[in-house]
N, C-alpha and C. Protein backbone atom coordinates (compact mmCIF):
# COMPACT_ATOMS: atom_id res chain seq x y z
N MET A 1 9.34 -16.12 -11.76
CA MET A 1 8.33 -15.71 -10.79
C MET A 1 9.04 -15.24 -9.52
N ARG A 2 8.56 -14.15 -8.95
CA ARG A 2 9.21 -13.63 -7.75
C ARG A 2 8.69 -14.33 -6.49
N ASP A 3 9.49 -14.27 -5.44
CA ASP A 3 9.13 -14.84 -4.15
C ASP A 3 7.91 -14.11 -3.61
N PRO A 4 6.80 -14.82 -3.34
CA PRO A 4 5.58 -14.13 -2.89
C PRO A 4 5.70 -13.50 -1.51
N TYR A 5 6.69 -13.91 -0.74
CA TYR A 5 6.84 -13.34 0.61
C TYR A 5 8.06 -12.44 0.71
N LYS A 6 8.42 -11.81 -0.40
CA LYS A 6 9.49 -10.82 -0.41
C LYS A 6 8.86 -9.49 -0.79
N ALA A 7 9.01 -8.51 0.08
CA ALA A 7 8.36 -7.21 -0.12
C ALA A 7 8.96 -6.46 -1.30
N ILE A 8 8.11 -5.86 -2.10
CA ILE A 8 8.56 -4.97 -3.16
C ILE A 8 9.17 -3.72 -2.55
N PHE A 9 8.56 -3.26 -1.45
CA PHE A 9 9.05 -2.07 -0.74
C PHE A 9 9.44 -2.49 0.68
N PRO A 10 10.71 -2.80 0.93
CA PRO A 10 11.12 -3.22 2.27
C PRO A 10 11.02 -2.07 3.28
N GLU A 11 11.06 -2.42 4.56
CA GLU A 11 11.04 -1.42 5.62
C GLU A 11 12.12 -0.38 5.36
N GLY A 12 11.75 0.89 5.56
CA GLY A 12 12.67 1.99 5.32
C GLY A 12 12.62 2.56 3.92
N SER A 13 11.91 1.87 3.01
CA SER A 13 11.78 2.36 1.63
C SER A 13 10.89 3.59 1.59
N LYS A 14 11.17 4.47 0.65
CA LYS A 14 10.35 5.64 0.43
C LYS A 14 9.34 5.28 -0.68
N VAL A 15 8.06 5.50 -0.39
CA VAL A 15 7.00 5.20 -1.35
C VAL A 15 6.10 6.41 -1.52
N ARG A 16 5.38 6.42 -2.63
CA ARG A 16 4.37 7.44 -2.86
C ARG A 16 3.03 6.71 -2.97
N ILE A 17 2.05 7.22 -2.29
CA ILE A 17 0.71 6.67 -2.38
C ILE A 17 0.14 7.06 -3.74
N ALA A 18 -0.53 6.12 -4.37
CA ALA A 18 -1.05 6.32 -5.72
C ALA A 18 -1.99 7.53 -5.80
N ALA A 19 -2.25 7.95 -7.02
CA ALA A 19 -3.16 9.07 -7.29
C ALA A 19 -4.59 8.71 -6.88
N THR A 20 -5.39 9.72 -6.67
CA THR A 20 -6.77 9.53 -6.22
C THR A 20 -7.53 8.58 -7.14
N ALA A 21 -7.41 8.73 -8.44
CA ALA A 21 -8.14 7.87 -9.39
C ALA A 21 -7.76 6.40 -9.21
N VAL A 22 -6.49 6.14 -8.96
CA VAL A 22 -6.02 4.76 -8.75
C VAL A 22 -6.61 4.20 -7.45
N LEU A 23 -6.57 5.00 -6.40
CA LEU A 23 -7.12 4.57 -5.11
C LEU A 23 -8.62 4.31 -5.21
N GLU A 24 -9.34 5.18 -5.91
CA GLU A 24 -10.78 5.00 -6.06
C GLU A 24 -11.11 3.72 -6.82
N GLU A 25 -10.34 3.44 -7.87
CA GLU A 25 -10.55 2.21 -8.64
C GLU A 25 -10.25 0.98 -7.78
N PHE A 26 -9.17 1.04 -7.02
CA PHE A 26 -8.82 -0.07 -6.12
C PHE A 26 -9.95 -0.28 -5.11
N GLN A 27 -10.46 0.79 -4.57
CA GLN A 27 -11.53 0.73 -3.57
C GLN A 27 -12.78 0.06 -4.16
N LYS A 28 -13.07 0.35 -5.42
CA LYS A 28 -14.26 -0.22 -6.07
C LYS A 28 -14.09 -1.69 -6.41
N THR A 29 -12.89 -2.09 -6.81
CA THR A 29 -12.69 -3.43 -7.36
C THR A 29 -12.09 -4.45 -6.40
N TRP A 30 -11.41 -4.02 -5.36
CA TRP A 30 -10.76 -4.95 -4.42
C TRP A 30 -11.81 -5.61 -3.56
N LYS A 31 -11.85 -6.93 -3.57
CA LYS A 31 -12.89 -7.69 -2.86
C LYS A 31 -12.32 -8.56 -1.74
N TYR A 32 -11.07 -8.37 -1.39
CA TYR A 32 -10.43 -9.28 -0.45
C TYR A 32 -10.15 -8.59 0.88
N HIS A 33 -9.09 -8.97 1.52
CA HIS A 33 -8.69 -8.49 2.84
C HIS A 33 -8.28 -7.01 2.82
N HIS A 34 -8.38 -6.37 3.96
CA HIS A 34 -7.92 -5.00 4.18
C HIS A 34 -8.34 -4.03 3.06
N PRO A 35 -9.65 -3.85 2.89
CA PRO A 35 -10.09 -2.89 1.87
C PRO A 35 -9.63 -1.47 2.22
N LEU A 36 -9.48 -0.68 1.23
CA LEU A 36 -9.09 0.72 1.42
C LEU A 36 -10.24 1.47 2.08
N GLN A 37 -9.94 2.20 3.13
CA GLN A 37 -10.95 2.95 3.86
C GLN A 37 -11.13 4.34 3.24
N PRO A 38 -12.33 4.89 3.28
CA PRO A 38 -12.58 6.20 2.66
C PRO A 38 -11.61 7.28 3.13
N GLU A 39 -11.25 7.29 4.40
CA GLU A 39 -10.35 8.32 4.92
C GLU A 39 -8.92 8.21 4.36
N GLN A 40 -8.58 7.06 3.79
CA GLN A 40 -7.24 6.90 3.21
C GLN A 40 -7.09 7.67 1.90
N LEU A 41 -8.19 7.96 1.22
CA LEU A 41 -8.12 8.66 -0.07
C LEU A 41 -7.47 10.04 0.04
N GLN A 42 -7.57 10.68 1.19
CA GLN A 42 -6.98 12.01 1.36
C GLN A 42 -5.45 11.99 1.31
N PHE A 43 -4.85 10.80 1.35
CA PHE A 43 -3.40 10.70 1.33
C PHE A 43 -2.85 10.41 -0.07
N ALA A 44 -3.69 10.47 -1.08
CA ALA A 44 -3.24 10.26 -2.46
C ALA A 44 -2.08 11.20 -2.78
N GLY A 45 -1.03 10.64 -3.36
CA GLY A 45 0.12 11.43 -3.77
C GLY A 45 1.14 11.73 -2.69
N VAL A 46 0.83 11.36 -1.44
CA VAL A 46 1.73 11.62 -0.33
C VAL A 46 2.93 10.66 -0.38
N THR A 47 4.10 11.18 -0.07
CA THR A 47 5.32 10.36 0.03
C THR A 47 5.52 10.01 1.50
N ALA A 48 5.86 8.74 1.75
CA ALA A 48 6.05 8.27 3.12
C ALA A 48 7.12 7.18 3.14
N VAL A 49 7.52 6.81 4.35
CA VAL A 49 8.50 5.75 4.54
C VAL A 49 7.77 4.52 5.08
N VAL A 50 8.14 3.35 4.55
CA VAL A 50 7.55 2.10 4.99
C VAL A 50 8.04 1.80 6.41
N LYS A 51 7.08 1.69 7.33
CA LYS A 51 7.40 1.39 8.72
C LYS A 51 7.48 -0.12 8.95
N SER A 52 6.53 -0.85 8.36
CA SER A 52 6.55 -2.31 8.48
C SER A 52 5.82 -2.95 7.31
N VAL A 53 6.16 -4.22 7.09
CA VAL A 53 5.55 -4.99 6.00
C VAL A 53 5.02 -6.29 6.58
N GLY A 54 3.82 -6.64 6.18
CA GLY A 54 3.24 -7.92 6.55
C GLY A 54 2.74 -8.60 5.29
N PHE A 55 2.39 -9.86 5.43
CA PHE A 55 1.93 -10.61 4.27
C PHE A 55 0.65 -11.34 4.62
N TYR A 56 -0.32 -11.22 3.74
CA TYR A 56 -1.54 -11.97 3.88
C TYR A 56 -1.29 -13.34 3.29
N HIS A 57 -2.04 -14.34 3.72
CA HIS A 57 -1.87 -15.69 3.18
C HIS A 57 -1.91 -15.64 1.66
N GLY A 58 -0.91 -16.20 1.03
CA GLY A 58 -0.81 -16.17 -0.42
C GLY A 58 0.20 -15.15 -0.90
N GLY A 59 0.70 -14.31 0.00
CA GLY A 59 1.78 -13.41 -0.35
C GLY A 59 1.41 -11.97 -0.60
N ASP A 60 0.13 -11.61 -0.51
CA ASP A 60 -0.22 -10.20 -0.70
C ASP A 60 0.51 -9.36 0.34
N GLN A 61 1.12 -8.29 -0.13
CA GLN A 61 1.91 -7.43 0.74
C GLN A 61 1.04 -6.34 1.35
N LEU A 62 1.18 -6.17 2.66
CA LEU A 62 0.44 -5.16 3.40
C LEU A 62 1.44 -4.25 4.10
N TYR A 63 1.27 -2.95 3.91
CA TYR A 63 2.25 -1.98 4.40
C TYR A 63 1.65 -1.04 5.44
N VAL A 64 2.46 -0.74 6.44
CA VAL A 64 2.17 0.32 7.39
C VAL A 64 3.20 1.40 7.11
N LEU A 65 2.73 2.64 6.97
CA LEU A 65 3.61 3.75 6.62
C LEU A 65 3.78 4.68 7.82
N GLU A 66 4.94 5.29 7.93
CA GLU A 66 5.20 6.25 9.00
C GLU A 66 4.32 7.48 8.80
N ASP A 67 3.65 7.89 9.83
CA ASP A 67 2.84 9.12 9.86
C ASP A 67 1.68 9.13 8.88
N VAL A 68 1.26 7.96 8.40
CA VAL A 68 0.10 7.86 7.51
C VAL A 68 -0.76 6.71 8.05
N PRO A 69 -2.01 6.99 8.41
CA PRO A 69 -2.84 5.93 8.99
C PRO A 69 -3.27 4.87 7.98
N GLY A 70 -3.62 3.72 8.49
CA GLY A 70 -4.19 2.66 7.68
C GLY A 70 -3.18 1.61 7.27
N ILE A 71 -3.73 0.55 6.71
CA ILE A 71 -2.94 -0.52 6.12
C ILE A 71 -3.07 -0.37 4.62
N TRP A 72 -1.94 -0.45 3.93
CA TRP A 72 -1.90 -0.18 2.50
C TRP A 72 -1.54 -1.43 1.72
N ASN A 73 -2.37 -1.80 0.77
CA ASN A 73 -2.06 -2.89 -0.15
C ASN A 73 -1.04 -2.40 -1.18
N GLU A 74 -0.19 -3.31 -1.63
CA GLU A 74 0.89 -2.96 -2.56
C GLU A 74 0.41 -2.22 -3.81
N PRO A 75 -0.74 -2.57 -4.43
CA PRO A 75 -1.16 -1.84 -5.63
C PRO A 75 -1.47 -0.36 -5.40
N CYS A 76 -1.57 0.06 -4.16
CA CYS A 76 -1.87 1.46 -3.83
C CYS A 76 -0.60 2.29 -3.66
N LEU A 77 0.55 1.67 -3.84
CA LEU A 77 1.82 2.35 -3.63
C LEU A 77 2.69 2.25 -4.86
N GLU A 78 3.62 3.21 -4.97
CA GLU A 78 4.62 3.18 -6.04
C GLU A 78 5.94 3.68 -5.45
N ALA A 79 7.02 3.36 -6.11
CA ALA A 79 8.32 3.81 -5.63
C ALA A 79 8.42 5.34 -5.74
N ALA A 80 8.98 5.93 -4.71
CA ALA A 80 9.22 7.39 -4.73
C ALA A 80 10.69 7.59 -5.07
N ASP A 81 10.95 8.35 -6.10
CA ASP A 81 12.34 8.54 -6.53
C ASP A 81 12.99 9.70 -5.81
C-alpha cells in the first residue's frame, strides 16, 4: 500500500488533464470535497505543471496547476510524457 500523503505528481511534475469524457464522469460521480466545476471542463487534454499539492483528510491529493484555474483531484490528471 502506498503512503496516502505522498503525491503521485509532486510539485514541478508535468501532467495532462484527463479527456472530456473522464472529467464529465468524475463530475457526475464524485460526491466528496472539491467537486469539479463546469468551467474546468474546457481544460480537458491540456498539459500543465503542478504548482502545489495539498491533501484532504484521508490522503486524497488536490493539485493546483500553473496557468490553469481550479483545484484538481488526482483522478482528473495523468502523467504527461
